[in-house]
PDB file of all heavy atoms in Angstrom:
ATOM      1  N   TRP A   1      -7.350  -1.831  -5.188  1.00  0.00           N
ATOM      2  CA  TRP A   1      -7.358  -3.268  -4.924  1.00  0.00           C
ATOM      3  C   TRP A   1      -7.242  -3.942  -6.291  1.00  0.00           C
ATOM      4  O   TRP A   1      -8.216  -4.068  -7.025  1.00  0.00           O
ATOM      5  CB  TRP A   1      -8.640  -3.659  -4.207  1.00  0.00           C
ATOM      6  CG  TRP A   1      -8.641  -5.044  -3.658  1.00  0.00           C
ATOM      7  CD1 TRP A   1      -7.620  -5.953  -3.696  1.00  0.00           C
ATOM      8  CD2 TRP A   1      -9.710  -5.684  -2.969  1.00  0.00           C
ATOM      9  NE1 TRP A   1      -7.979  -7.115  -3.078  1.00  0.00           N
ATOM     10  CE2 TRP A   1      -9.258  -6.984  -2.623  1.00  0.00           C
ATOM     11  CE3 TRP A   1     -11.004  -5.286  -2.625  1.00  0.00           C
ATOM     12  CZ2 TRP A   1     -10.069  -7.884  -1.939  1.00  0.00           C
ATOM     13  CZ3 TRP A   1     -11.799  -6.188  -1.946  1.00  0.00           C
ATOM     14  CH2 TRP A   1     -11.343  -7.469  -1.591  1.00  0.00           C
ATOM     15  N   GLU A   2      -6.048  -4.387  -6.642  1.00  0.00           N
ATOM     16  CA  GLU A   2      -5.763  -4.777  -8.021  1.00  0.00           C
ATOM     17  C   GLU A   2      -6.651  -5.910  -8.520  1.00  0.00           C
ATOM     18  O   GLU A   2      -7.007  -5.960  -9.692  1.00  0.00           O
ATOM     19  CB  GLU A   2      -4.285  -5.144  -8.159  1.00  0.00           C
ATOM     20  CG  GLU A   2      -3.365  -3.935  -8.003  1.00  0.00           C
ATOM     21  CD  GLU A   2      -1.913  -4.272  -8.230  1.00  0.00           C
ATOM     22  OE1 GLU A   2      -1.608  -5.464  -8.461  1.00  0.00           O
ATOM     23  OE2 GLU A   2      -1.080  -3.351  -8.167  1.00  0.00           O
ATOM     24  N   ILE A   3      -7.000  -6.848  -7.639  1.00  0.00           N
ATOM     25  CA  ILE A   3      -7.836  -7.962  -8.068  1.00  0.00           C
ATOM     26  C   ILE A   3      -9.208  -7.480  -8.541  1.00  0.00           C
ATOM     27  O   ILE A   3      -9.863  -8.118  -9.372  1.00  0.00           O
ATOM     28  CB  ILE A   3      -7.987  -8.993  -6.915  1.00  0.00           C
ATOM     29  CG1 ILE A   3      -8.531 -10.311  -7.455  1.00  0.00           C
ATOM     30  CG2 ILE A   3      -8.869  -8.444  -5.804  1.00  0.00           C
ATOM     31  CD1 ILE A   3      -8.516 -11.434  -6.436  1.00  0.00           C
ATOM     32  N   VAL A   4      -9.653  -6.334  -8.043  1.00  0.00           N
ATOM     33  CA  VAL A   4     -10.918  -5.727  -8.479  1.00  0.00           C
ATOM     34  C   VAL A   4     -10.669  -4.736  -9.606  1.00  0.00           C
ATOM     35  O   VAL A   4     -11.326  -4.772 -10.656  1.00  0.00           O
ATOM     36  CB  VAL A   4     -11.623  -5.027  -7.303  1.00  0.00           C
ATOM     37  CG1 VAL A   4     -12.857  -4.263  -7.784  1.00  0.00           C
ATOM     38  CG2 VAL A   4     -12.019  -6.049  -6.234  1.00  0.00           C
ATOM     39  N   ALA A   5      -9.702  -3.834  -9.414  1.00  0.00           N
ATOM     40  CA  ALA A   5      -9.480  -2.746 -10.369  1.00  0.00           C
ATOM     41  C   ALA A   5      -9.099  -3.261 -11.748  1.00  0.00           C
ATOM     42  O   ALA A   5      -9.588  -2.761 -12.769  1.00  0.00           O
ATOM     43  CB  ALA A   5      -8.402  -1.806  -9.840  1.00  0.00           C
ATOM     44  N   GLU A   6      -8.237  -4.258 -11.815  1.00  0.00           N
ATOM     45  CA  GLU A   6      -7.770  -4.734 -13.112  1.00  0.00           C
ATOM     46  C   GLU A   6      -8.783  -5.637 -13.797  1.00  0.00           C
ATOM     47  O   GLU A   6      -8.742  -5.813 -15.020  1.00  0.00           O
ATOM     48  CB  GLU A   6      -6.432  -5.442 -12.945  1.00  0.00           C
ATOM     49  CG  GLU A   6      -5.315  -4.487 -12.528  1.00  0.00           C
ATOM     50  CD  GLU A   6      -3.973  -5.167 -12.379  1.00  0.00           C
ATOM     51  OE1 GLU A   6      -3.933  -6.419 -12.475  1.00  0.00           O
ATOM     52  OE2 GLU A   6      -2.972  -4.469 -12.157  1.00  0.00           O
ATOM     53  N   ALA A   7      -9.702  -6.248 -13.026  1.00  0.00           N
ATOM     54  CA  ALA A   7     -10.718  -7.119 -13.619  1.00  0.00           C
ATOM     55  C   ALA A   7     -11.964  -6.353 -14.043  1.00  0.00           C
ATOM     56  O   ALA A   7     -12.834  -6.897 -14.729  1.00  0.00           O
ATOM     57  CB  ALA A   7     -11.097  -8.224 -12.631  1.00  0.00           C
ATOM     58  N   THR A   8     -12.079  -5.090 -13.616  1.00  0.00           N
ATOM     59  CA  THR A   8     -13.226  -4.266 -14.013  1.00  0.00           C
ATOM     60  C   THR A   8     -13.112  -3.934 -15.508  1.00  0.00           C
ATOM     61  O   THR A   8     -12.024  -3.821 -16.046  1.00  0.00           O
ATOM     62  CB  THR A   8     -13.247  -2.975 -13.170  1.00  0.00           C
ATOM     63  OG1 THR A   8     -13.317  -3.317 -11.794  1.00  0.00           O
ATOM     64  CG2 THR A   8     -14.438  -2.100 -13.521  1.00  0.00           C
ATOM     65  N   ARG A   9     -14.264  -3.795 -16.176  1.00  0.00           N
ATOM     66  CA  ARG A   9     -14.269  -3.448 -17.587  1.00  0.00           C
ATOM     67  C   ARG A   9     -15.028  -2.159 -17.814  1.00  0.00           C
ATOM     68  O   ARG A   9     -16.230  -2.129 -17.595  1.00  0.00           O
ATOM     69  CB  ARG A   9     -14.882  -4.584 -18.414  1.00  0.00           C
ATOM     70  CG  ARG A   9     -13.980  -5.813 -18.457  1.00  0.00           C
ATOM     71  CD  ARG A   9     -12.674  -5.491 -19.209  1.00  0.00           C
ATOM     72  NE  ARG A   9     -11.712  -6.600 -19.167  1.00  0.00           N
ATOM     73  CZ  ARG A   9     -10.714  -6.708 -18.286  1.00  0.00           C
ATOM     74  NH1 ARG A   9     -10.554  -5.777 -17.359  1.00  0.00           N
ATOM     75  NH2 ARG A   9      -9.891  -7.717 -18.345  1.00  0.00           N
ATOM     76  N   PRO A  10     -14.358  -1.064 -18.209  1.00  0.00           N
ATOM     77  CA  PRO A  10     -12.921  -0.994 -18.442  1.00  0.00           C
ATOM     78  C   PRO A  10     -12.134  -1.000 -17.124  1.00  0.00           C
ATOM     79  O   PRO A  10     -12.700  -0.715 -16.067  1.00  0.00           O
ATOM     80  CB  PRO A  10     -12.756   0.347 -19.164  1.00  0.00           C
ATOM     81  CG  PRO A  10     -13.868   1.187 -18.619  1.00  0.00           C
ATOM     82  CD  PRO A  10     -15.027   0.240 -18.455  1.00  0.00           C
ATOM     83  N   PRO A  11     -10.833  -1.334 -17.183  1.00  0.00           N
ATOM     84  CA  PRO A  11     -10.014  -1.333 -15.960  1.00  0.00           C
ATOM     85  C   PRO A  11     -10.125  -0.003 -15.218  1.00  0.00           C
ATOM     86  O   PRO A  11     -10.192   1.064 -15.822  1.00  0.00           O
ATOM     87  CB  PRO A  11      -8.601  -1.584 -16.489  1.00  0.00           C
ATOM     88  CG  PRO A  11      -8.827  -2.374 -17.740  1.00  0.00           C
ATOM     89  CD  PRO A  11     -10.061  -1.791 -18.349  1.00  0.00           C
ATOM     90  N   LEU A  12     -10.135  -0.115 -13.900  1.00  0.00           N
ATOM     91  CA  LEU A  12     -10.515   1.001 -13.038  1.00  0.00           C
ATOM     92  C   LEU A  12      -9.335   1.870 -12.621  1.00  0.00           C
ATOM     93  O   LEU A  12      -8.348   1.378 -12.054  1.00  0.00           O
ATOM     94  CB  LEU A  12     -11.198   0.440 -11.783  1.00  0.00           C
ATOM     95  CG  LEU A  12     -11.650   1.420 -10.717  1.00  0.00           C
ATOM     96  CD1 LEU A  12     -12.754   2.331 -11.256  1.00  0.00           C
ATOM     97  CD2 LEU A  12     -12.148   0.660  -9.479  1.00  0.00           C
ATOM     98  N   THR A  13      -9.446   3.163 -12.874  1.00  0.00           N
ATOM     99  CA  THR A  13      -8.532   4.136 -12.269  1.00  0.00           C
ATOM    100  C   THR A  13      -8.851   4.231 -10.784  1.00  0.00           C
ATOM    101  O   THR A  13     -10.016   4.272 -10.398  1.00  0.00           O
ATOM    102  CB  THR A  13      -8.697   5.513 -12.932  1.00  0.00           C
ATOM    103  OG1 THR A  13      -8.296   5.417 -14.296  1.00  0.00           O
ATOM    104  CG2 THR A  13      -7.863   6.572 -12.232  1.00  0.00           C
ATOM    105  N   SER A  14      -7.815   4.263  -9.948  1.00  0.00           N
ATOM    106  CA  SER A  14      -8.070   4.219  -8.503  1.00  0.00           C
ATOM    107  C   SER A  14      -6.968   4.932  -7.731  1.00  0.00           C
ATOM    108  O   SER A  14      -5.862   5.145  -8.244  1.00  0.00           O
ATOM    109  CB  SER A  14      -8.169   2.758  -8.037  1.00  0.00           C
ATOM    110  OG  SER A  14      -8.561   2.677  -6.679  1.00  0.00           O
ATOM    111  N   ILE A  15      -7.295   5.278  -6.495  1.00  0.00           N
ATOM    112  CA  ILE A  15      -6.337   5.892  -5.583  1.00  0.00           C
ATOM    113  C   ILE A  15      -5.688   4.790  -4.752  1.00  0.00           C
ATOM    114  O   ILE A  15      -6.374   4.011  -4.087  1.00  0.00           O
ATOM    115  CB  ILE A  15      -7.022   6.904  -4.639  1.00  0.00           C
ATOM    116  CG1 ILE A  15      -7.695   8.016  -5.449  1.00  0.00           C
ATOM    117  CG2 ILE A  15      -6.009   7.487  -3.660  1.00  0.00           C
ATOM    118  CD1 ILE A  15      -6.752   8.840  -6.292  1.00  0.00           C
ATOM    119  N   ASP A  16      -4.367   4.720  -4.813  1.00  0.00           N
ATOM    120  CA  ASP A  16      -3.614   3.723  -4.055  1.00  0.00           C
ATOM    121  C   ASP A  16      -3.144   4.348  -2.742  1.00  0.00           C
ATOM    122  O   ASP A  16      -2.541   5.417  -2.738  1.00  0.00           O
ATOM    123  CB  ASP A  16      -2.407   3.261  -4.878  1.00  0.00           C
ATOM    124  CG  ASP A  16      -1.745   2.015  -4.305  1.00  0.00           C
ATOM    125  OD1 ASP A  16      -1.452   2.010  -3.094  1.00  0.00           O
ATOM    126  OD2 ASP A  16      -1.526   1.056  -5.061  1.00  0.00           O
ATOM    127  N   MET A  17      -3.419   3.674  -1.631  1.00  0.00           N
ATOM    128  CA  MET A  17      -3.042   4.200  -0.312  1.00  0.00           C
ATOM    129  C   MET A  17      -1.596   3.908   0.055  1.00  0.00           C
ATOM    130  O   MET A  17      -1.153   4.237   1.159  1.00  0.00           O
ATOM    131  CB  MET A  17      -3.978   3.647   0.752  1.00  0.00           C
ATOM    132  CG  MET A  17      -5.400   4.128   0.630  1.00  0.00           C
ATOM    133  SD  MET A  17      -6.449   3.587   1.995  1.00  0.00           S
ATOM    134  CE  MET A  17      -6.571   1.834   1.663  1.00  0.00           C
ATOM    135  N   ASN A  18      -0.842   3.283  -0.862  1.00  0.00           N
ATOM    136  CA  ASN A  18       0.586   3.022  -0.617  1.00  0.00           C
ATOM    137  C   ASN A  18       0.805   2.267   0.692  1.00  0.00           C
ATOM    138  O   ASN A  18       1.656   2.644   1.508  1.00  0.00           O
ATOM    139  CB  ASN A  18       1.379   4.327  -0.612  1.00  0.00           C
ATOM    140  CG  ASN A  18       1.633   4.863  -2.002  1.00  0.00           C
ATOM    141  OD1 ASN A  18       1.721   4.115  -2.960  1.00  0.00           O
ATOM    142  ND2 ASN A  18       1.740   6.181  -2.119  1.00  0.00           N
ATOM    143  N   LEU A  19       0.060   1.172   0.877  1.00  0.00           N
ATOM    144  CA  LEU A  19       0.133   0.437   2.146  1.00  0.00           C
ATOM    145  C   LEU A  19       1.502  -0.203   2.366  1.00  0.00           C
ATOM    146  O   LEU A  19       1.963  -0.298   3.506  1.00  0.00           O
ATOM    147  CB  LEU A  19      -0.968  -0.615   2.200  1.00  0.00           C
ATOM    148  CG  LEU A  19      -2.395  -0.061   2.259  1.00  0.00           C
ATOM    149  CD1 LEU A  19      -3.408  -1.193   2.210  1.00  0.00           C
ATOM    150  CD2 LEU A  19      -2.591   0.766   3.518  1.00  0.00           C
ATOM    151  N   ALA A  20       2.146  -0.653   1.292  1.00  0.00           N
ATOM    152  CA  ALA A  20       3.482  -1.229   1.464  1.00  0.00           C
ATOM    153  C   ALA A  20       4.461  -0.166   1.962  1.00  0.00           C
ATOM    154  O   ALA A  20       5.282  -0.430   2.852  1.00  0.00           O
ATOM    155  CB  ALA A  20       3.971  -1.844   0.156  1.00  0.00           C
ATOM    156  N   SER A  21       4.368   1.035   1.409  1.00  0.00           N
ATOM    157  CA  SER A  21       5.225   2.128   1.886  1.00  0.00           C
ATOM    158  C   SER A  21       4.885   2.497   3.328  1.00  0.00           C
ATOM    159  O   SER A  21       5.771   2.791   4.137  1.00  0.00           O
ATOM    160  CB  SER A  21       5.068   3.357   0.989  1.00  0.00           C
ATOM    161  OG  SER A  21       5.501   3.085  -0.317  1.00  0.00           O
ATOM    162  N   LEU A  22       3.596   2.462   3.643  1.00  0.00           N
ATOM    163  CA  LEU A  22       3.161   2.735   5.013  1.00  0.00           C
ATOM    164  C   LEU A  22       3.769   1.704   5.964  1.00  0.00           C
ATOM    165  O   LEU A  22       4.268   2.045   7.049  1.00  0.00           O
ATOM    166  CB  LEU A  22       1.635   2.682   5.077  1.00  0.00           C
ATOM    167  CG  LEU A  22       0.972   3.187   6.354  1.00  0.00           C
ATOM    168  CD1 LEU A  22       1.128   4.694   6.477  1.00  0.00           C
ATOM    169  CD2 LEU A  22      -0.507   2.826   6.362  1.00  0.00           C
ATOM    170  N   GLY A  23       3.737   0.427   5.558  1.00  0.00           N
ATOM    171  CA  GLY A  23       4.325  -0.620   6.381  1.00  0.00           C
ATOM    172  C   GLY A  23       5.824  -0.453   6.536  1.00  0.00           C
ATOM    173  O   GLY A  23       6.378  -0.671   7.616  1.00  0.00           O
ATOM    174  N   ARG A  24       6.465  -0.059   5.444  1.00  0.00           N
ATOM    175  CA  ARG A  24       7.914   0.144   5.520  1.00  0.00           C
ATOM    176  C   ARG A  24       8.262   1.258   6.510  1.00  0.00           C
ATOM    177  O   ARG A  24       9.168   1.106   7.335  1.00  0.00           O
ATOM    178  CB  ARG A  24       8.456   0.487   4.127  1.00  0.00           C
ATOM    179  CG  ARG A  24       9.953   0.745   4.120  1.00  0.00           C
ATOM    180  CD  ARG A  24      10.498   0.960   2.711  1.00  0.00           C
ATOM    181  NE  ARG A  24      11.917   1.280   2.760  1.00  0.00           N
ATOM    182  CZ  ARG A  24      12.886   0.395   2.916  1.00  0.00           C
ATOM    183  NH1 ARG A  24      12.585  -0.878   3.043  1.00  0.00           N
ATOM    184  NH2 ARG A  24      14.153   0.771   2.960  1.00  0.00           N
ATOM    185  N   GLU A  25       7.529   2.361   6.456  1.00  0.00           N
ATOM    186  CA  GLU A  25       7.784   3.457   7.392  1.00  0.00           C
ATOM    187  C   GLU A  25       7.500   3.028   8.828  1.00  0.00           C
ATOM    188  O   GLU A  25       8.210   3.420   9.758  1.00  0.00           O
ATOM    189  CB  GLU A  25       6.930   4.666   7.017  1.00  0.00           C
ATOM    190  CG  GLU A  25       7.332   5.332   5.710  1.00  0.00           C
ATOM    191  CD  GLU A  25       8.758   5.848   5.741  1.00  0.00           C
ATOM    192  OE1 GLU A  25       9.163   6.448   6.758  1.00  0.00           O
ATOM    193  OE2 GLU A  25       9.478   5.645   4.752  1.00  0.00           O
ATOM    194  N   ALA A  26       6.456   2.218   9.019  1.00  0.00           N
ATOM    195  CA  ALA A  26       6.145   1.724  10.359  1.00  0.00           C
ATOM    196  C   ALA A  26       7.266   0.829  10.867  1.00  0.00           C
ATOM    197  O   ALA A  26       7.658   0.906  12.044  1.00  0.00           O
ATOM    198  CB  ALA A  26       4.823   0.960  10.338  1.00  0.00           C
ATOM    199  N   GLY A  27       7.792  -0.034   9.993  1.00  0.00           N
ATOM    200  CA  GLY A  27       8.890  -0.905  10.395  1.00  0.00           C
ATOM    201  C   GLY A  27      10.132  -0.125  10.776  1.00  0.00           C
ATOM    202  O   GLY A  27      10.792  -0.432  11.783  1.00  0.00           O
ATOM    203  N   LEU A  28      10.464   0.892   9.990  1.00  0.00           N
ATOM    204  CA  LEU A  28      11.641   1.706  10.297  1.00  0.00           C
ATOM    205  C   LEU A  28      11.448   2.497  11.591  1.00  0.00           C
ATOM    206  O   LEU A  28      12.390   2.656  12.385  1.00  0.00           O
ATOM    207  CB  LEU A  28      11.931   2.652   9.134  1.00  0.00           C
ATOM    208  CG  LEU A  28      12.374   1.982   7.825  1.00  0.00           C
ATOM    209  CD1 LEU A  28      12.496   3.010   6.709  1.00  0.00           C
ATOM    210  CD2 LEU A  28      13.695   1.239   8.019  1.00  0.00           C
ATOM    211  N   ALA A  29      10.214   2.993  11.808  1.00  0.00           N
ATOM    212  CA  ALA A  29       9.937   3.725  13.049  1.00  0.00           C
ATOM    213  C   ALA A  29      10.081   2.808  14.255  1.00  0.00           C
ATOM    214  O   ALA A  29      10.644   3.193  15.294  1.00  0.00           O
ATOM    215  CB  ALA A  29       8.530   4.320  12.995  1.00  0.00           C
ATOM    216  N   LEU A  30       9.577   1.576  14.121  1.00  0.00           N
ATOM    217  CA  LEU A  30       9.692   0.623  15.227  1.00  0.00           C
ATOM    218  C   LEU A  30      11.152   0.282  15.490  1.00  0.00           C
ATOM    219  O   LEU A  30      11.586   0.209  16.647  1.00  0.00           O
ATOM    220  CB  LEU A  30       8.901  -0.640  14.906  1.00  0.00           C
ATOM    221  CG  LEU A  30       8.883  -1.694  16.018  1.00  0.00           C
ATOM    222  CD1 LEU A  30       8.162  -1.160  17.257  1.00  0.00           C
ATOM    223  CD2 LEU A  30       8.212  -2.982  15.540  1.00  0.00           C
ATOM    224  N   LEU A  31      11.926   0.085  14.427  1.00  0.00           N
ATOM    225  CA  LEU A  31      13.340  -0.241  14.586  1.00  0.00           C
ATOM    226  C   LEU A  31      14.085   0.874  15.310  1.00  0.00           C
ATOM    227  O   LEU A  31      14.947   0.614  16.164  1.00  0.00           O
ATOM    228  CB  LEU A  31      13.964  -0.493  13.217  1.00  0.00           C
ATOM    229  CG  LEU A  31      15.326  -1.176  13.203  1.00  0.00           C
ATOM    230  CD1 LEU A  31      15.241  -2.565  13.808  1.00  0.00           C
ATOM    231  CD2 LEU A  31      15.858  -1.242  11.773  1.00  0.00           C
ATOM    232  N   SER A  32      13.742   2.129  15.006  1.00  0.00           N
ATOM    233  CA  SER A  32      14.374   3.254  15.697  1.00  0.00           C
ATOM    234  C   SER A  32      14.057   3.233  17.188  1.00  0.00           C
ATOM    235  O   SER A  32      14.932   3.459  18.029  1.00  0.00           O
ATOM    236  CB  SER A  32      13.903   4.575  15.087  1.00  0.00           C
ATOM    237  OG  SER A  32      14.362   4.717  13.764  1.00  0.00           O
ATOM    238  N   LEU A  33      12.805   2.939  17.511  1.00  0.00           N
ATOM    239  CA  LEU A  33      12.420   2.874  18.925  1.00  0.00           C
ATOM    240  C   LEU A  33      13.127   1.719  19.632  1.00  0.00           C
ATOM    241  O   LEU A  33      13.577   1.863  20.778  1.00  0.00           O
ATOM    242  CB  LEU A  33      10.903   2.706  19.041  1.00  0.00           C
ATOM    243  CG  LEU A  33      10.059   3.909  18.613  1.00  0.00           C
ATOM    244  CD1 LEU A  33       8.577   3.536  18.592  1.00  0.00           C
ATOM    245  CD2 LEU A  33      10.292   5.088  19.551  1.00  0.00           C
ATOM    246  N   VAL A  34      13.244   0.578  18.955  1.00  0.00           N
ATOM    247  CA  VAL A  34      13.936  -0.573  19.544  1.00  0.00           C
ATOM    248  C   VAL A  34      15.391  -0.234  19.826  1.00  0.00           C
ATOM    249  O   VAL A  34      15.969  -0.649  20.835  1.00  0.00           O
ATOM    250  CB  VAL A  34      13.826  -1.800  18.615  1.00  0.00           C
ATOM    251  CG1 VAL A  34      14.750  -2.920  19.077  1.00  0.00           C
ATOM    252  CG2 VAL A  34      12.382  -2.298  18.563  1.00  0.00           C
ATOM    253  N   ASP A  35      15.995   0.551  18.921  1.00  0.00           N
ATOM    254  CA  ASP A  35      17.398   0.943  19.089  1.00  0.00           C
ATOM    255  C   ASP A  35      17.583   2.081  20.080  1.00  0.00           C
ATOM    256  O   ASP A  35      18.695   2.592  20.248  1.00  0.00           O
ATOM    257  CB  ASP A  35      17.984   1.348  17.735  1.00  0.00           C
ATOM    258  CG  ASP A  35      18.198   0.152  16.818  1.00  0.00           C
ATOM    259  OD1 ASP A  35      18.277  -0.982  17.338  1.00  0.00           O
ATOM    260  OD2 ASP A  35      18.272   0.332  15.592  1.00  0.00           O
TER     261      ASP A  35
END
């Protein structure tokens, strides 16, 4: 969560869940079903 991770001192190493990529895959999966 960048608003937290980057404001932490020192800046925080973190695991990113790649939510934008997850959303993109969900959108493509939905488009395939629609087609």
